[in-house]
N, C-alpha and C. Protein backbone atom coordinates (compact mmCIF):
# COMPACT_ATOMS: atom_id res chain seq x y z
N MET A 1 178.21 30.34 59.53
CA MET A 1 177.10 31.10 59.81
C MET A 1 176.91 32.25 58.80
N SER A 2 175.89 32.44 58.33
CA SER A 2 175.65 33.57 57.45
C SER A 2 175.12 34.59 58.00
N HIS A 3 175.42 35.89 57.61
CA HIS A 3 174.90 37.09 58.17
C HIS A 3 174.04 37.89 57.03
N THR A 4 172.75 38.18 57.47
CA THR A 4 171.95 38.84 56.56
C THR A 4 172.13 40.28 57.02
N PRO A 5 172.57 41.27 56.05
CA PRO A 5 172.69 42.56 56.58
C PRO A 5 171.25 43.25 56.71
N ALA A 6 171.19 44.16 57.79
CA ALA A 6 169.91 44.94 58.02
C ALA A 6 169.99 46.11 57.16
N TRP A 7 168.78 46.49 56.57
CA TRP A 7 168.45 47.60 55.91
C TRP A 7 167.52 48.54 56.67
N THR A 8 167.41 49.72 56.34
CA THR A 8 166.30 50.62 56.91
C THR A 8 165.64 51.48 55.84
N VAL A 9 164.52 51.76 56.02
CA VAL A 9 163.78 52.68 55.05
C VAL A 9 163.90 54.19 55.40
N LEU A 10 164.34 54.99 54.53
CA LEU A 10 164.70 56.39 54.72
C LEU A 10 163.45 57.04 53.96
N VAL A 11 163.26 58.45 54.33
CA VAL A 11 162.28 59.13 53.52
C VAL A 11 162.96 60.70 53.56
N ASN A 12 162.66 61.34 52.50
CA ASN A 12 163.20 62.78 52.36
C ASN A 12 161.98 63.72 52.39
N HIS A 13 162.33 65.00 52.19
CA HIS A 13 161.33 66.04 52.26
C HIS A 13 160.36 65.95 51.15
N GLU A 14 160.60 65.28 49.97
CA GLU A 14 159.85 65.02 48.94
C GLU A 14 158.89 63.80 49.08
N ASP A 15 158.95 63.18 50.23
CA ASP A 15 158.38 62.03 50.60
C ASP A 15 158.78 60.78 49.58
N GLN A 16 160.05 60.82 49.27
CA GLN A 16 160.67 59.80 48.44
C GLN A 16 161.32 58.91 49.40
N HIS A 17 161.21 57.48 49.14
CA HIS A 17 161.70 56.49 49.99
C HIS A 17 162.87 55.83 49.42
N ALA A 18 163.73 55.38 50.22
CA ALA A 18 165.02 54.75 49.83
C ALA A 18 165.48 53.62 50.77
N LEU A 19 165.94 52.64 50.34
CA LEU A 19 166.58 51.64 51.27
C LEU A 19 167.93 51.96 51.57
N HIS A 20 168.42 51.62 52.74
CA HIS A 20 169.86 52.18 53.09
C HIS A 20 170.33 51.11 54.01
N PRO A 21 171.64 50.70 53.98
CA PRO A 21 172.13 49.82 54.91
C PRO A 21 172.16 50.47 56.40
N ALA A 22 171.50 49.71 57.33
CA ALA A 22 171.18 50.26 58.67
C ALA A 22 172.47 50.49 59.43
N HIS A 23 173.63 50.02 59.05
CA HIS A 23 174.83 50.21 59.75
C HIS A 23 175.54 51.51 59.33
N LEU A 24 175.10 52.07 58.33
CA LEU A 24 175.66 53.41 57.78
C LEU A 24 175.02 54.63 58.46
N PRO A 25 175.59 55.71 58.57
CA PRO A 25 174.99 56.81 59.00
C PRO A 25 173.78 57.27 57.94
N THR A 26 172.83 57.84 58.43
CA THR A 26 171.74 58.36 57.56
C THR A 26 172.25 59.63 56.81
N PRO A 27 172.30 59.55 55.40
CA PRO A 27 172.70 60.69 54.65
C PRO A 27 171.78 62.10 54.93
N ALA A 28 172.56 63.16 54.75
CA ALA A 28 171.90 64.41 55.12
C ALA A 28 170.50 64.44 54.21
N GLY A 29 169.65 64.96 54.66
CA GLY A 29 168.24 65.23 53.92
C GLY A 29 167.47 64.10 53.90
N TRP A 30 167.80 63.09 54.61
CA TRP A 30 166.97 61.86 54.81
C TRP A 30 166.81 61.50 56.21
N HIS A 31 165.60 60.95 56.43
CA HIS A 31 165.27 60.61 57.93
C HIS A 31 164.55 59.17 57.84
N PRO A 32 165.07 58.36 59.08
CA PRO A 32 164.44 57.07 58.96
C PRO A 32 163.01 56.97 59.21
N THR A 33 162.40 56.00 58.62
CA THR A 33 160.94 55.93 58.82
C THR A 33 160.51 55.06 60.08
N GLY A 34 161.62 54.39 60.56
CA GLY A 34 161.38 53.54 61.80
C GLY A 34 161.30 52.07 61.34
N PHE A 35 161.38 51.77 60.03
CA PHE A 35 161.31 50.31 59.58
C PHE A 35 162.58 49.94 59.18
N THR A 36 163.03 48.84 59.78
CA THR A 36 164.35 48.11 59.65
C THR A 36 164.15 46.67 59.49
N GLY A 37 164.76 46.00 58.50
CA GLY A 37 164.58 44.68 58.27
C GLY A 37 165.57 44.08 57.16
N THR A 38 165.15 43.04 56.47
CA THR A 38 165.95 42.48 55.42
C THR A 38 165.69 43.49 54.16
N GLU A 39 166.47 43.35 53.14
CA GLU A 39 166.30 44.12 52.06
C GLU A 39 164.89 43.85 51.43
N ASP A 40 164.58 42.63 51.39
CA ASP A 40 163.30 42.20 50.86
C ASP A 40 162.05 42.76 51.68
N ALA A 41 162.30 42.74 53.04
CA ALA A 41 161.23 43.26 53.89
C ALA A 41 161.09 44.79 53.84
N CYS A 42 162.19 45.47 53.67
CA CYS A 42 162.17 46.80 53.50
C CYS A 42 161.66 47.26 52.11
N ALA A 43 161.89 46.54 51.09
CA ALA A 43 161.23 46.69 49.75
C ALA A 43 159.77 46.59 49.85
N ALA A 44 159.29 45.54 50.47
CA ALA A 44 157.85 45.26 50.64
C ALA A 44 157.14 46.32 51.41
N TRP A 45 157.88 46.78 52.54
CA TRP A 45 157.33 47.88 53.36
C TRP A 45 157.01 49.16 52.55
N THR A 46 158.16 49.44 51.74
CA THR A 46 158.08 50.69 50.91
C THR A 46 157.01 50.53 49.84
N ASP A 47 156.81 49.37 49.22
CA ASP A 47 155.80 49.13 48.21
C ASP A 47 154.50 49.36 48.93
N ALA A 48 154.29 49.09 50.09
CA ALA A 48 153.01 49.22 50.80
C ALA A 48 152.73 50.73 51.24
N HIS A 49 153.75 51.38 51.58
CA HIS A 49 153.59 52.76 52.10
C HIS A 49 153.92 53.88 51.18
N TRP A 50 154.30 53.64 49.96
CA TRP A 50 154.81 54.66 49.08
C TRP A 50 154.06 54.30 47.67
N PRO A 51 152.74 54.58 47.60
CA PRO A 51 152.05 54.18 46.35
C PRO A 51 152.28 55.31 45.24
N ASP A 52 152.45 56.43 45.55
CA ASP A 52 152.68 57.46 44.47
C ASP A 52 154.19 57.92 44.46
N LEU A 53 154.91 57.39 43.44
CA LEU A 53 156.28 57.50 43.30
C LEU A 53 156.77 58.96 42.92
N ARG A 54 155.75 59.74 42.52
CA ARG A 54 156.11 61.13 42.17
C ARG A 54 156.66 61.88 43.40
N PRO A 55 157.64 62.80 43.21
CA PRO A 55 157.99 63.69 44.41
C PRO A 55 156.73 64.58 44.84
N LEU A 56 156.80 64.80 46.14
CA LEU A 56 155.68 65.46 46.67
C LEU A 56 155.31 66.71 46.00
N SER A 57 156.24 67.40 45.47
CA SER A 57 156.16 68.69 44.82
C SER A 57 155.45 68.59 43.51
N LEU A 58 155.42 67.37 42.95
CA LEU A 58 154.82 67.13 41.41
C LEU A 58 153.59 66.44 41.61
N ARG A 59 153.05 66.03 42.81
CA ARG A 59 151.78 65.44 42.96
C ARG A 59 150.56 66.57 42.76
N PRO A 60 149.53 66.24 42.28
CA PRO A 60 148.51 67.13 42.06
C PRO A 60 147.87 67.52 43.40
N LEU A 61 147.46 68.70 43.55
CA LEU A 61 146.79 69.10 44.77
C LEU A 61 145.36 68.41 44.98
N PRO A 62 144.89 68.23 46.18
CA PRO A 62 143.61 67.65 46.33
C PRO A 62 142.65 68.60 45.84
N LEU A 63 141.54 68.03 45.21
CA LEU A 63 140.39 68.89 44.71
C LEU A 63 139.66 69.39 45.97
N ARG A 64 139.49 70.91 45.93
CA ARG A 64 138.79 71.47 46.88
C ARG A 64 137.53 72.15 46.25
N PRO A 65 136.38 72.13 46.86
CA PRO A 65 135.20 72.83 46.30
C PRO A 65 135.40 74.42 46.01
N HIS A 66 135.00 74.93 44.95
CA HIS A 66 135.04 76.26 44.66
C HIS A 66 134.25 77.03 45.64
N PRO A 67 134.83 78.11 46.19
CA PRO A 67 134.19 78.98 47.13
C PRO A 67 132.73 79.37 46.66
N GLY A 68 131.79 79.20 47.42
CA GLY A 68 130.44 79.58 46.87
C GLY A 68 129.68 78.45 46.25
N SER A 69 130.34 77.31 46.04
CA SER A 69 129.62 76.36 45.46
C SER A 69 128.98 75.31 46.37
N ALA A 70 127.87 74.61 46.13
CA ALA A 70 127.21 73.63 47.03
C ALA A 70 128.14 72.51 46.87
N GLY A 71 128.41 72.00 48.22
CA GLY A 71 129.19 70.73 48.29
C GLY A 71 130.24 70.80 49.08
C-alpha cells in the first residue's frame, strides 16, 4: 500500500504562499490557508490563489483619484 503524504498551503504576513508537509508544525510567521491535499493539488491551489508573486510590501498601491478631481 502506498501512502501519499498530505501537504498544506501556508501564507505569511507578506501574502507569500508555501507548501508545507501537513504532519509538521506550522513554522513561526506562517499561517494555514485552510487548504490541504496532495503536493500537486496544493501547487494548483497556490497557482490559482496567488497571482502576484511579489511580497505584499513591494506591490504597487491601487490607483486612487486625486482629491478634487472628477472621477
